Amino acid sequence: MEQFEYLISNLFSQQGLANSQKEIDLLIDTHRPIADDVEFSDILFWTQSYSDFLREALADDSDWPELVFRLNNRLLS
């Protein structure tokens, strides 16, 4: 059975977003820090589709939530 490696870049590629480390770092550096009162999945630069994906990832019992939390933490710092 092939095992999938869960990386932050996979979160971006799931939605067809630029997913190189340089592009991810640039997006995070450009938009952080996100205000504490903004729901992570409602950040304005996410598409509706990506917001839905993030909400589902957090609600599901899967491997995605850890990556979503890591991305969230990077945007808050």
N, C-alpha and C. Protein backbone atom coordinates (compact mmCIF):
# COMPACT_ATOMS: atom_id res chain seq x y z
N MET A 1 0.83 -1.18 0.00
CA MET A 1 0.00 0.00 0.00
C MET A 1 0.88 1.25 0.00
N GLU A 2 0.63 2.15 -0.91
CA GLU A 2 1.41 3.38 -1.01
C GLU A 2 0.95 4.36 0.06
N GLN A 3 1.94 4.99 0.73
CA GLN A 3 1.61 5.96 1.76
C GLN A 3 1.77 7.37 1.21
N PHE A 4 0.83 8.23 1.54
CA PHE A 4 0.84 9.61 1.08
C PHE A 4 1.55 10.46 2.12
N GLU A 5 2.45 11.32 1.67
CA GLU A 5 3.14 12.23 2.58
C GLU A 5 2.36 13.54 2.62
N TYR A 6 1.90 13.89 3.81
CA TYR A 6 1.11 15.10 3.99
C TYR A 6 2.02 16.29 4.25
N LEU A 7 2.02 17.23 3.32
CA LEU A 7 2.84 18.44 3.40
C LEU A 7 1.95 19.65 3.19
N ILE A 8 2.39 20.80 3.69
CA ILE A 8 1.62 22.02 3.47
C ILE A 8 1.45 22.26 1.97
N SER A 9 2.45 21.93 1.18
CA SER A 9 2.32 22.11 -0.26
C SER A 9 1.16 21.30 -0.83
N ASN A 10 0.85 20.15 -0.21
CA ASN A 10 -0.29 19.35 -0.64
C ASN A 10 -1.61 20.07 -0.40
N LEU A 11 -1.68 20.85 0.70
CA LEU A 11 -2.89 21.64 0.95
C LEU A 11 -3.15 22.61 -0.19
N PHE A 12 -2.08 23.20 -0.70
CA PHE A 12 -2.20 24.15 -1.79
C PHE A 12 -2.48 23.45 -3.12
N SER A 13 -1.79 22.37 -3.38
CA SER A 13 -1.99 21.68 -4.66
C SER A 13 -3.38 21.06 -4.76
N GLN A 14 -4.00 20.72 -3.62
CA GLN A 14 -5.37 20.19 -3.62
C GLN A 14 -6.33 21.12 -4.33
N GLN A 15 -6.06 22.42 -4.26
CA GLN A 15 -6.95 23.41 -4.85
C GLN A 15 -6.35 24.09 -6.07
N GLY A 16 -5.26 23.55 -6.58
CA GLY A 16 -4.65 24.12 -7.77
C GLY A 16 -3.92 25.43 -7.51
N LEU A 17 -3.55 25.67 -6.25
CA LEU A 17 -2.81 26.88 -5.90
C LEU A 17 -1.31 26.65 -6.07
N ALA A 18 -0.57 27.74 -6.26
CA ALA A 18 0.88 27.65 -6.34
C ALA A 18 1.38 26.96 -5.07
N ASN A 19 2.23 25.96 -5.22
CA ASN A 19 2.58 25.16 -4.05
C ASN A 19 4.07 24.93 -3.83
N SER A 20 4.91 25.73 -4.47
CA SER A 20 6.33 25.60 -4.16
C SER A 20 6.58 26.25 -2.80
N GLN A 21 7.62 25.85 -2.12
CA GLN A 21 7.92 26.41 -0.81
C GLN A 21 8.09 27.93 -0.88
N LYS A 22 8.72 28.40 -1.94
CA LYS A 22 8.93 29.85 -2.12
C LYS A 22 7.59 30.57 -2.25
N GLU A 23 6.67 30.01 -3.04
CA GLU A 23 5.36 30.64 -3.25
C GLU A 23 4.50 30.61 -1.97
N ILE A 24 4.58 29.53 -1.24
CA ILE A 24 3.85 29.42 0.02
C ILE A 24 4.40 30.43 1.03
N ASP A 25 5.72 30.49 1.15
CA ASP A 25 6.34 31.45 2.07
C ASP A 25 5.97 32.88 1.71
N LEU A 26 5.94 33.20 0.43
CA LEU A 26 5.59 34.54 -0.02
C LEU A 26 4.14 34.87 0.34
N LEU A 27 3.22 33.94 0.11
CA LEU A 27 1.82 34.16 0.47
C LEU A 27 1.69 34.39 1.97
N ILE A 28 2.34 33.58 2.77
CA ILE A 28 2.26 33.71 4.22
C ILE A 28 2.87 35.03 4.67
N ASP A 29 4.05 35.35 4.17
CA ASP A 29 4.71 36.60 4.57
C ASP A 29 3.92 37.83 4.15
N THR A 30 3.24 37.76 3.03
CA THR A 30 2.46 38.88 2.51
C THR A 30 1.20 39.12 3.33
N HIS A 31 0.61 38.08 3.88
CA HIS A 31 -0.70 38.19 4.53
C HIS A 31 -0.69 38.06 6.04
N ARG A 32 0.42 37.82 6.63
CA ARG A 32 0.40 37.67 8.09
C ARG A 32 0.81 38.95 8.76
N PRO A 33 0.47 39.14 9.99
CA PRO A 33 -0.35 38.23 10.80
C PRO A 33 -1.84 38.44 10.54
N ILE A 34 -2.57 37.36 10.59
CA ILE A 34 -4.03 37.39 10.45
C ILE A 34 -4.60 37.74 11.82
N ALA A 35 -5.60 38.57 11.85
CA ALA A 35 -6.23 38.97 13.11
C ALA A 35 -6.80 37.75 13.84
N ASP A 36 -6.70 37.77 15.15
CA ASP A 36 -7.18 36.65 15.96
C ASP A 36 -8.67 36.39 15.82
N ASP A 37 -9.45 37.43 15.48
CA ASP A 37 -10.89 37.27 15.40
C ASP A 37 -11.38 36.77 14.04
N VAL A 38 -10.45 36.49 13.13
CA VAL A 38 -10.81 35.98 11.80
C VAL A 38 -10.71 34.46 11.81
N GLU A 39 -11.80 33.82 11.43
CA GLU A 39 -11.81 32.36 11.32
C GLU A 39 -10.85 31.95 10.20
N PHE A 40 -10.01 30.98 10.47
CA PHE A 40 -8.97 30.59 9.51
C PHE A 40 -9.54 30.27 8.14
N SER A 41 -10.63 29.55 8.09
CA SER A 41 -11.20 29.17 6.80
C SER A 41 -11.89 30.34 6.09
N ASP A 42 -12.06 31.46 6.80
CA ASP A 42 -12.71 32.64 6.21
C ASP A 42 -11.73 33.74 5.81
N ILE A 43 -10.45 33.45 5.82
CA ILE A 43 -9.46 34.44 5.41
C ILE A 43 -9.79 34.85 3.98
N LEU A 44 -9.77 36.15 3.74
CA LEU A 44 -10.28 36.70 2.49
C LEU A 44 -9.57 36.23 1.22
N PHE A 45 -8.32 35.85 1.32
CA PHE A 45 -7.63 35.46 0.08
C PHE A 45 -7.86 34.01 -0.31
N TRP A 46 -8.55 33.22 0.53
CA TRP A 46 -8.92 31.87 0.12
C TRP A 46 -10.12 31.95 -0.81
N THR A 47 -10.18 31.07 -1.77
CA THR A 47 -11.38 30.95 -2.59
C THR A 47 -12.46 30.26 -1.77
N GLN A 48 -13.70 30.36 -2.20
CA GLN A 48 -14.79 29.69 -1.49
C GLN A 48 -14.54 28.18 -1.44
N SER A 49 -14.07 27.64 -2.54
CA SER A 49 -13.77 26.21 -2.61
C SER A 49 -12.71 25.81 -1.60
N TYR A 50 -11.67 26.64 -1.49
CA TYR A 50 -10.59 26.33 -0.55
C TYR A 50 -11.06 26.50 0.89
N SER A 51 -11.89 27.51 1.16
CA SER A 51 -12.45 27.68 2.50
C SER A 51 -13.27 26.44 2.89
N ASP A 52 -14.06 25.96 1.96
CA ASP A 52 -14.85 24.74 2.21
C ASP A 52 -13.94 23.56 2.49
N PHE A 53 -12.88 23.42 1.70
CA PHE A 53 -11.94 22.33 1.89
C PHE A 53 -11.30 22.40 3.28
N LEU A 54 -10.89 23.61 3.72
CA LEU A 54 -10.27 23.76 5.04
C LEU A 54 -11.25 23.41 6.16
N ARG A 55 -12.49 23.85 6.04
CA ARG A 55 -13.51 23.51 7.04
C ARG A 55 -13.70 21.99 7.12
N GLU A 56 -13.81 21.36 5.96
CA GLU A 56 -13.99 19.91 5.92
C GLU A 56 -12.77 19.19 6.48
N ALA A 57 -11.59 19.68 6.17
CA ALA A 57 -10.36 19.06 6.66
C ALA A 57 -10.31 19.09 8.18
N LEU A 58 -10.75 20.18 8.76
CA LEU A 58 -10.76 20.29 10.22
C LEU A 58 -11.85 19.43 10.85
N ALA A 59 -12.95 19.26 10.16
CA ALA A 59 -14.07 18.49 10.69
C ALA A 59 -13.86 16.98 10.54
N ASP A 60 -13.13 16.58 9.51
CA ASP A 60 -12.91 15.16 9.24
C ASP A 60 -11.89 14.57 10.20
N ASP A 61 -12.03 13.28 10.40
CA ASP A 61 -11.03 12.54 11.15
C ASP A 61 -10.01 12.01 10.14
N SER A 62 -9.12 12.89 9.72
CA SER A 62 -8.15 12.53 8.68
C SER A 62 -6.77 13.07 9.08
N ASP A 63 -5.84 12.98 8.16
CA ASP A 63 -4.49 13.49 8.40
C ASP A 63 -4.35 14.97 8.08
N TRP A 64 -5.34 15.58 7.46
CA TRP A 64 -5.26 16.98 7.04
C TRP A 64 -5.26 17.99 8.19
N PRO A 65 -6.01 17.79 9.28
CA PRO A 65 -6.09 18.83 10.30
C PRO A 65 -4.73 19.30 10.84
N GLU A 66 -3.80 18.41 11.03
CA GLU A 66 -2.48 18.81 11.52
C GLU A 66 -1.84 19.84 10.60
N LEU A 67 -1.93 19.62 9.29
CA LEU A 67 -1.36 20.56 8.33
C LEU A 67 -2.12 21.88 8.32
N VAL A 68 -3.42 21.81 8.45
CA VAL A 68 -4.23 23.04 8.49
C VAL A 68 -3.84 23.85 9.72
N PHE A 69 -3.66 23.20 10.86
CA PHE A 69 -3.23 23.90 12.08
C PHE A 69 -1.83 24.50 11.91
N ARG A 70 -0.94 23.77 11.26
CA ARG A 70 0.42 24.31 11.03
C ARG A 70 0.37 25.55 10.14
N LEU A 71 -0.41 25.50 9.08
CA LEU A 71 -0.55 26.64 8.20
C LEU A 71 -1.18 27.82 8.94
N ASN A 72 -2.21 27.55 9.71
CA ASN A 72 -2.87 28.56 10.51
C ASN A 72 -1.86 29.24 11.46
N ASN A 73 -1.06 28.44 12.14
CA ASN A 73 -0.07 28.98 13.06
C ASN A 73 0.95 29.87 12.35
N ARG A 74 1.32 29.51 11.16
CA ARG A 74 2.26 30.34 10.40
C ARG A 74 1.64 31.68 10.00
N LEU A 75 0.35 31.66 9.72
CA LEU A 75 -0.33 32.91 9.34
C LEU A 75 -0.60 33.81 10.55
N LEU A 76 -0.69 33.23 11.73
CA LEU A 76 -0.95 34.02 12.93
C LEU A 76 0.29 34.61 13.55
N SER A 77 1.44 34.06 13.24
CA SER A 77 2.66 34.54 13.90
C SER A 77 3.29 35.71 13.18
